[in-house]
Amino acid sequence: MPVKNNIDPVSLIVNRGKSGNRQAFNELYTLYSKAMFSVSMRILNDRNEAEDVLQEGFLQAFRNIKDFDERVSFGSWIKKIIINRSIDVIRKQKHIFQPLDDADYFENEEPTEDYMDYDVNVVKDSIQALPHGYRIVLSLYLLENFTHKEIALQLNISEGTSKSQYNRAKKKLINLIKEKQS
C-alpha cells in the first residue's frame, strides 16, 4: 500500500522561501494577501492604509521568514503581523477613543435583540459604518479573538473602555443593520 504524503504544501513553499526563493514569496503573497487585506480593512476601514499595512506586513514577514516557527501556521503568523501593523497605524491616530468610566460598561450590558436573519453584506457594511473606535474594538474582540485585556494593552486604553466600546458597538451595529434591512 502506498504511504500518503502528509506534508503541508504551504510548509514546502515556506521552506523554499527560507532558502531565498523569490517565487515562494510570490506564492505566499498570492495565497494570503486577499485574506490579510480583509483583516487590515476590518481594523482600519481605510483602503490606502490597509494596502500599506499589507505591503509592509508581507515585507516584514519575508525579511524574517528564517525566524518563522513552523509549529504555527504561516497564515496565523502573517495574520499576527498584519494585525500588529494595523494597530500601529491606529496608535498614531491618538483621537480615536474617548475614555469611559468602567462602570459605563455595565449599563445595559447586553443588547436584548432576538436572533434575526441578517444579510452578510448588510452586516459587513454596517461594521464598516461603525464609528472608528467601536469598529476597531469590535473587530479585534469578535473577529480576531483578542481579549479585552489584550485590546486594552494594544491600544493603550483601559480594559473597561474596551468593554464599553464593544458593548456600544454591538448596540450600534444592531441599529445599523435594522436600518439597512428595513
Protein backbone atom coordinates (compact mmCIF):
# COMPACT_ATOMS: atom_id res chain seq x y z
CA MET A 1 0.00 0.00 0.00
CA PRO A 2 1.42 3.45 -0.88
CA VAL A 3 2.09 5.79 2.04
CA LYS A 4 0.31 9.14 1.82
CA ASN A 5 2.49 12.19 1.98
CA ASN A 6 1.09 14.41 4.77
CA ILE A 7 3.44 17.32 4.14
CA ASP A 8 1.58 20.62 4.11
CA PRO A 9 2.07 22.34 0.74
CA VAL A 10 2.36 25.74 2.45
CA SER A 11 5.24 24.38 4.56
CA LEU A 12 7.02 23.41 1.35
CA ILE A 13 6.57 26.93 -0.01
CA VAL A 14 7.77 28.46 3.29
CA ASN A 15 10.85 26.23 3.25
CA ARG A 16 11.63 27.39 -0.29
CA GLY A 17 11.21 30.96 0.94
CA LYS A 18 13.61 30.31 3.79
CA SER A 19 16.14 29.30 1.14
CA GLY A 20 15.69 32.68 -0.54
CA ASN A 21 13.43 31.53 -3.39
CA ARG A 22 11.61 34.68 -4.58
CA GLN A 23 8.93 32.67 -6.38
CA ALA A 24 7.97 31.19 -2.99
CA PHE A 25 7.36 34.72 -1.69
CA ASN A 26 5.09 35.43 -4.65
CA GLU A 27 3.18 32.21 -3.98
CA LEU A 28 2.71 33.05 -0.29
CA TYR A 29 1.56 36.55 -1.17
CA THR A 30 -0.92 35.14 -3.68
CA LEU A 31 -2.23 32.64 -1.13
CA TYR A 32 -2.67 35.06 1.78
CA SER A 33 -2.86 38.66 0.54
CA LYS A 34 -6.63 38.83 0.00
CA ALA A 35 -7.44 37.47 3.46
CA MET A 36 -4.82 39.68 5.13
CA PHE A 37 -6.12 42.74 3.31
CA SER A 38 -9.58 41.94 4.71
CA VAL A 39 -8.14 41.66 8.23
CA SER A 40 -6.49 45.05 7.94
CA MET A 41 -9.59 46.65 6.37
CA ARG A 42 -11.77 45.42 9.24
CA ILE A 43 -9.48 47.21 11.66
CA LEU A 44 -8.54 50.32 9.69
CA ASN A 45 -11.50 50.86 7.36
CA ASP A 46 -9.19 52.76 5.00
CA ARG A 47 -8.19 51.15 1.71
CA ASN A 48 -4.91 53.07 1.33
CA GLU A 49 -3.78 52.37 4.89
CA ALA A 50 -4.79 48.70 4.60
CA GLU A 51 -2.82 48.38 1.34
CA ASP A 52 0.22 49.96 3.00
CA VAL A 53 -0.11 47.64 6.00
CA LEU A 54 -0.43 44.65 3.67
CA GLN A 55 2.74 45.53 1.77
CA GLU A 56 4.74 46.38 4.90
CA GLY A 57 3.48 43.29 6.71
CA PHE A 58 4.48 40.93 3.92
CA LEU A 59 7.87 42.64 3.57
CA GLN A 60 8.42 42.16 7.30
CA ALA A 61 7.38 38.50 7.03
CA PHE A 62 9.66 37.86 4.08
CA ARG A 63 12.60 39.59 5.75
CA ASN A 64 12.08 37.48 8.86
CA ILE A 65 10.94 34.22 7.31
CA LYS A 66 14.03 32.42 8.63
CA ASP A 67 12.67 33.10 12.15
CA PHE A 68 9.27 31.58 11.28
CA ASP A 69 8.42 28.77 13.73
CA GLU A 70 6.64 26.01 11.85
CA ARG A 71 4.76 24.92 14.96
CA VAL A 72 2.24 27.62 14.00
CA SER A 73 0.70 28.03 10.58
CA PHE A 74 2.08 30.61 8.20
CA GLY A 75 -1.44 32.04 7.99
CA SER A 76 -1.56 32.65 11.75
CA TRP A 77 1.91 34.15 11.71
CA ILE A 78 1.23 36.60 8.88
CA LYS A 79 -2.16 37.48 10.38
CA LYS A 80 -0.48 38.43 13.66
CA ILE A 81 1.96 40.64 11.75
CA ILE A 82 -0.87 42.34 9.82
CA ILE A 83 -2.95 42.90 12.98
CA ASN A 84 0.04 44.37 14.83
CA ARG A 85 0.89 46.66 11.92
CA SER A 86 -2.76 47.77 11.71
CA ILE A 87 -2.75 48.51 15.43
CA ASP A 88 0.46 50.53 14.97
CA VAL A 89 -1.41 52.73 12.48
CA ILE A 90 -4.24 53.16 15.00
CA ARG A 91 -1.82 54.11 17.77
CA LYS A 92 -0.61 57.01 15.63
CA GLN A 93 -4.20 58.28 15.48
CA LYS A 94 -4.48 59.37 19.10
CA HIS A 95 -8.02 60.78 18.88
CA ILE A 96 -9.92 57.53 18.33
CA PHE A 97 -11.15 56.54 21.79
CA GLN A 98 -12.97 58.51 24.39
CA PRO A 99 -12.08 57.03 27.78
CA LEU A 100 -15.20 55.94 29.61
CA ASP A 101 -15.79 55.03 33.20
CA ASP A 102 -15.52 51.31 33.81
CA ALA A 103 -18.99 51.49 35.32
CA ASP A 104 -20.35 52.67 31.96
CA TYR A 105 -19.84 49.19 30.55
CA PHE A 106 -22.31 47.66 32.96
CA GLU A 107 -25.13 49.98 31.94
CA ASN A 108 -27.42 47.82 29.74
CA GLU A 109 -24.61 45.31 29.40
CA GLU A 110 -26.08 43.14 26.64
CA PRO A 111 -28.35 44.20 23.81
CA THR A 112 -31.67 42.43 24.08
CA GLU A 113 -32.05 41.65 20.39
CA ASP A 114 -33.65 38.41 19.34
CA TYR A 115 -31.98 36.45 16.58
CA MET A 116 -32.66 37.93 13.17
CA ASP A 117 -31.76 36.60 9.74
CA TYR A 118 -29.09 39.12 8.73
CA ASP A 119 -27.76 39.55 5.21
CA VAL A 120 -23.96 39.07 5.29
CA ASN A 121 -23.29 42.10 3.11
CA VAL A 122 -25.51 44.27 5.31
CA VAL A 123 -23.56 43.12 8.38
CA LYS A 124 -20.20 43.83 6.69
CA ASP A 125 -21.34 47.27 5.53
CA SER A 126 -22.75 48.02 8.98
CA ILE A 127 -19.48 47.05 10.68
CA GLN A 128 -17.60 49.38 8.34
CA ALA A 129 -20.08 52.17 9.14
CA LEU A 130 -19.43 51.97 12.89
CA PRO A 131 -17.51 54.83 14.50
CA HIS A 132 -13.78 54.17 14.30
CA GLY A 133 -13.20 53.21 17.94
CA TYR A 134 -16.26 50.95 18.06
CA ARG A 135 -15.28 49.17 14.85
CA ILE A 136 -11.70 48.58 15.98
CA VAL A 137 -12.65 47.06 19.33
CA LEU A 138 -15.49 45.01 17.83
CA SER A 139 -13.20 43.70 15.09
CA LEU A 140 -10.37 42.82 17.45
CA TYR A 141 -12.66 41.20 20.03
CA LEU A 142 -15.27 39.49 17.89
CA LEU A 143 -13.43 38.74 14.67
CA GLU A 144 -9.78 38.42 15.74
CA ASN A 145 -10.44 36.80 19.15
CA PHE A 146 -8.49 39.30 21.25
CA THR A 147 -9.47 39.56 24.90
CA HIS A 148 -10.44 42.95 26.35
CA LYS A 149 -7.20 42.88 28.30
CA GLU A 150 -5.19 42.35 25.09
CA ILE A 151 -7.12 45.10 23.31
CA ALA A 152 -6.50 47.47 26.21
CA LEU A 153 -2.77 46.75 26.16
CA GLN A 154 -2.50 47.06 22.38
CA LEU A 155 -4.49 50.29 22.12
CA ASN A 156 -3.31 51.87 25.37
CA ILE A 157 -6.82 52.15 26.78
CA SER A 158 -8.37 50.71 29.93
CA GLU A 159 -9.99 47.30 29.90
CA GLY A 160 -13.24 48.99 30.91
CA THR A 161 -13.03 51.30 27.90
CA SER A 162 -12.55 48.27 25.65
CA LYS A 163 -15.59 46.57 27.15
CA SER A 164 -17.68 49.72 26.92
CA GLN A 165 -16.66 50.39 23.32
CA TYR A 166 -17.50 46.78 22.44
CA ASN A 167 -20.89 46.95 24.18
CA ARG A 168 -21.76 50.21 22.45
CA ALA A 169 -20.53 48.84 19.13
CA LYS A 170 -22.88 45.85 19.39
CA LYS A 171 -25.85 48.11 20.09
CA LYS A 172 -24.94 50.48 17.29
CA LEU A 173 -24.37 47.56 14.91
CA ILE A 174 -27.81 46.11 15.59
CA ASN A 175 -29.39 49.51 14.96
CA LEU A 176 -27.45 49.98 11.71
CA ILE A 177 -28.44 46.52 10.49
CA LYS A 178 -32.08 47.14 11.31
CA GLU A 179 -31.99 50.43 9.39
CA LYS A 180 -30.39 48.84 6.34
CA GLN A 181 -32.68 45.80 6.30
CA SER A 182 -35.94 47.70 6.78
